[in-house]
Amino acid sequence: MRLTPLALALLLYANQACAAEQQVEAYNTYLYPPFVRDGGGGLAAELVARLNVQLAGKYQLLLVNLPHYNVLVFHAGAAPPQLSAGDDLKGLRFGGVLGNRYG
């Protein structure tokens, strides 16, 4: 089973710490089989379940399925950057999935 495209599609964003485990949302934008199946399940849910076993005690991943147009921008710094023009993007790093078209 090859999970590389799904792993690249998952964007992790840290939430508030909860008990001993920190809850982290895992975003999936592949909303079609085999990544998401009617009635639940699919590769996205399976990957998150397996990662939760490996991360037990530290993190708990929560799967969030989002359409491409709802993908959020995340910033790892102390405060989010102020973006008002294209030049504000200079020096920032971006991630994407090979073969996808954005825009």
C-alpha atoms as a PDB file:
ATOM      1  CA  MET A   1       0.000   0.000   0.000  1.00  0.00           C
ATOM      2  CA  ARG A   2       1.465   3.372  -1.033  1.00  0.00           C
ATOM      3  CA  LEU A   3       0.581   6.305   1.232  1.00  0.00           C
ATOM      4  CA  THR A   4       3.079   8.879  -0.053  1.00  0.00           C
ATOM      5  CA  PRO A   5       0.552  11.145  -1.882  1.00  0.00           C
ATOM      6  CA  LEU A   6      -1.723  11.146   1.134  1.00  0.00           C
ATOM      7  CA  ALA A   7       1.127  11.844   3.519  1.00  0.00           C
ATOM      8  CA  LEU A   8       2.076  14.875   1.430  1.00  0.00           C
ATOM      9  CA  ALA A   9      -1.539  16.039   1.434  1.00  0.00           C
ATOM     10  CA  LEU A  10      -1.852  16.005   5.188  1.00  0.00           C
ATOM     11  CA  LEU A  11      -1.134  19.345   6.784  1.00  0.00           C
ATOM     12  CA  LEU A  12      -0.683  19.320  10.519  1.00  0.00           C
ATOM     13  CA  TYR A  13      -1.711  22.187  12.715  1.00  0.00           C
ATOM     14  CA  ALA A  14      -1.294  22.104  16.511  1.00  0.00           C
ATOM     15  CA  ASN A  15      -4.278  22.894  18.747  1.00  0.00           C
ATOM     16  CA  GLN A  16      -4.445  23.419  22.487  1.00  0.00           C
ATOM     17  CA  ALA A  17      -2.881  20.709  24.650  1.00  0.00           C
ATOM     18  CA  CYS A  18      -5.426  18.254  26.003  1.00  0.00           C
ATOM     19  CA  ALA A  19      -4.507  16.151  29.068  1.00  0.00           C
ATOM     20  CA  ALA A  20      -1.265  14.238  28.416  1.00  0.00           C
ATOM     21  CA  GLU A  21      -1.739  14.181  24.639  1.00  0.00           C
ATOM     22  CA  GLN A  22      -1.680  17.231  22.429  1.00  0.00           C
ATOM     23  CA  GLN A  23      -4.457  17.144  19.843  1.00  0.00           C
ATOM     24  CA  VAL A  24      -3.343  17.948  16.304  1.00  0.00           C
ATOM     25  CA  GLU A  25      -5.613  18.283  13.287  1.00  0.00           C
ATOM     26  CA  ALA A  26      -4.513  16.323  10.216  1.00  0.00           C
ATOM     27  CA  TYR A  27      -5.976  17.887   7.070  1.00  0.00           C
ATOM     28  CA  ASN A  28      -6.811  15.695   4.076  1.00  0.00           C
ATOM     29  CA  THR A  29      -7.804  17.241   0.741  1.00  0.00           C
ATOM     30  CA  TYR A  30      -8.157  13.950  -1.162  1.00  0.00           C
ATOM     31  CA  LEU A  31     -11.939  13.558  -0.908  1.00  0.00           C
ATOM     32  CA  TYR A  32     -12.344  10.562  -3.210  1.00  0.00           C
ATOM     33  CA  PRO A  33     -11.698   6.799  -3.009  1.00  0.00           C
ATOM     34  CA  PRO A  34      -9.492   5.205  -1.865  1.00  0.00           C
ATOM     35  CA  PHE A  35      -8.548   8.088   0.460  1.00  0.00           C
ATOM     36  CA  VAL A  36     -12.124   8.630   1.680  1.00  0.00           C
ATOM     37  CA  ARG A  37     -14.874   6.046   1.278  1.00  0.00           C
ATOM     38  CA  ASP A  38     -18.646   6.363   1.486  1.00  0.00           C
ATOM     39  CA  GLY A  39     -19.747   5.386   4.965  1.00  0.00           C
ATOM     40  CA  GLY A  40     -16.381   6.264   6.527  1.00  0.00           C
ATOM     41  CA  GLY A  41     -12.926   4.821   6.440  1.00  0.00           C
ATOM     42  CA  GLY A  42     -10.399   4.967   3.644  1.00  0.00           C
ATOM     43  CA  LEU A  43      -6.650   5.489   3.454  1.00  0.00           C
ATOM     44  CA  ALA A  44      -6.758   8.883   5.192  1.00  0.00           C
ATOM     45  CA  ALA A  45      -8.522   7.467   8.248  1.00  0.00           C
ATOM     46  CA  GLU A  46      -6.274   4.396   8.231  1.00  0.00           C
ATOM     47  CA  LEU A  47      -3.119   6.513   8.112  1.00  0.00           C
ATOM     48  CA  VAL A  48      -4.310   8.725  10.978  1.00  0.00           C
ATOM     49  CA  ALA A  49      -5.247   5.649  13.049  1.00  0.00           C
ATOM     50  CA  ARG A  50      -1.811   4.085  12.515  1.00  0.00           C
ATOM     51  CA  LEU A  51      -0.032   7.337  13.307  1.00  0.00           C
ATOM     52  CA  ASN A  52      -2.089   7.694  16.494  1.00  0.00           C
ATOM     53  CA  VAL A  53      -0.789   4.295  17.653  1.00  0.00           C
ATOM     54  CA  GLN A  54       2.797   5.433  17.051  1.00  0.00           C
ATOM     55  CA  LEU A  55       2.236   8.842  18.668  1.00  0.00           C
ATOM     56  CA  ALA A  56       0.264   7.578  21.693  1.00  0.00           C
ATOM     57  CA  GLY A  57       1.012   9.522  24.856  1.00  0.00           C
ATOM     58  CA  LYS A  58       2.325  12.583  23.004  1.00  0.00           C
ATOM     59  CA  TYR A  59      -0.132  13.493  20.246  1.00  0.00           C
ATOM     60  CA  GLN A  60      -3.570  12.544  19.023  1.00  0.00           C
ATOM     61  CA  LEU A  61      -4.296  13.275  15.369  1.00  0.00           C
ATOM     62  CA  LEU A  62      -7.822  14.325  14.445  1.00  0.00           C
ATOM     63  CA  LEU A  63      -8.690  13.794  10.777  1.00  0.00           C
ATOM     64  CA  VAL A  64     -10.336  16.761   9.059  1.00  0.00           C
ATOM     65  CA  ASN A  65     -11.405  16.319   5.425  1.00  0.00           C
ATOM     66  CA  LEU A  66     -11.384  19.607   3.492  1.00  0.00           C
ATOM     67  CA  PRO A  67     -12.109  20.444  -0.140  1.00  0.00           C
ATOM     68  CA  HIS A  68      -9.106  21.957  -1.980  1.00  0.00           C
ATOM     69  CA  TYR A  69     -10.622  25.444  -1.927  1.00  0.00           C
ATOM     70  CA  ASN A  70     -10.777  25.355   1.890  1.00  0.00           C
ATOM     71  CA  VAL A  71      -7.105  24.544   2.440  1.00  0.00           C
ATOM     72  CA  LEU A  72      -5.705  26.862   5.045  1.00  0.00           C
ATOM     73  CA  VAL A  73      -2.337  28.568   5.170  1.00  0.00           C
ATOM     74  CA  PHE A  74      -0.256  27.786   8.245  1.00  0.00           C
ATOM     75  CA  HIS A  75       2.675  29.622   9.729  1.00  0.00           C
ATOM     76  CA  ALA A  76       5.120  28.082  12.176  1.00  0.00           C
ATOM     77  CA  GLY A  77       6.342  31.365  13.668  1.00  0.00           C
ATOM     78  CA  ALA A  78       5.265  33.099  16.841  1.00  0.00           C
ATOM     79  CA  ALA A  79       2.799  35.353  15.000  1.00  0.00           C
ATOM     80  CA  PRO A  80       1.185  34.921  11.578  1.00  0.00           C
ATOM     81  CA  PRO A  81       2.653  37.068   8.808  1.00  0.00           C
ATOM     82  CA  GLN A  82       0.717  40.112   7.611  1.00  0.00           C
ATOM     83  CA  LEU A  83      -0.144  39.413   3.981  1.00  0.00           C
ATOM     84  CA  SER A  84      -1.630  42.216   1.910  1.00  0.00           C
ATOM     85  CA  ALA A  85       0.314  42.039  -1.353  1.00  0.00           C
ATOM     86  CA  GLY A  86       2.247  39.513  -3.413  1.00  0.00           C
ATOM     87  CA  ASP A  87       5.569  40.910  -2.225  1.00  0.00           C
ATOM     88  CA  ASP A  88       4.655  39.909   1.350  1.00  0.00           C
ATOM     89  CA  LEU A  89       5.183  36.275   0.296  1.00  0.00           C
ATOM     90  CA  LYS A  90       8.909  36.775  -0.385  1.00  0.00           C
ATOM     91  CA  GLY A  91      11.100  34.684   1.878  1.00  0.00           C
ATOM     92  CA  LEU A  92       8.265  32.376   3.008  1.00  0.00           C
ATOM     93  CA  ARG A  93       8.244  28.623   2.355  1.00  0.00           C
ATOM     94  CA  PHE A  94       5.259  26.890   0.827  1.00  0.00           C
ATOM     95  CA  GLY A  95       4.315  23.244   0.381  1.00  0.00           C
ATOM     96  CA  GLY A  96       2.172  21.578  -2.228  1.00  0.00           C
ATOM     97  CA  VAL A  97       1.415  18.248  -3.832  1.00  0.00           C
ATOM     98  CA  LEU A  98       3.226  17.387  -7.060  1.00  0.00           C
ATOM     99  CA  GLY A  99       0.759  17.333  -9.945  1.00  0.00           C
ATOM    100  CA  ASN A 100      -1.924  19.460  -8.268  1.00  0.00           C
ATOM    101  CA  ARG A 101      -2.853  22.852  -9.659  1.00  0.00           C
ATOM    102  CA  TYR A 102      -3.471  25.625  -7.183  1.00  0.00           C
ATOM    103  CA  GLY A 103      -5.263  28.810  -8.082  1.00  0.00           C
END
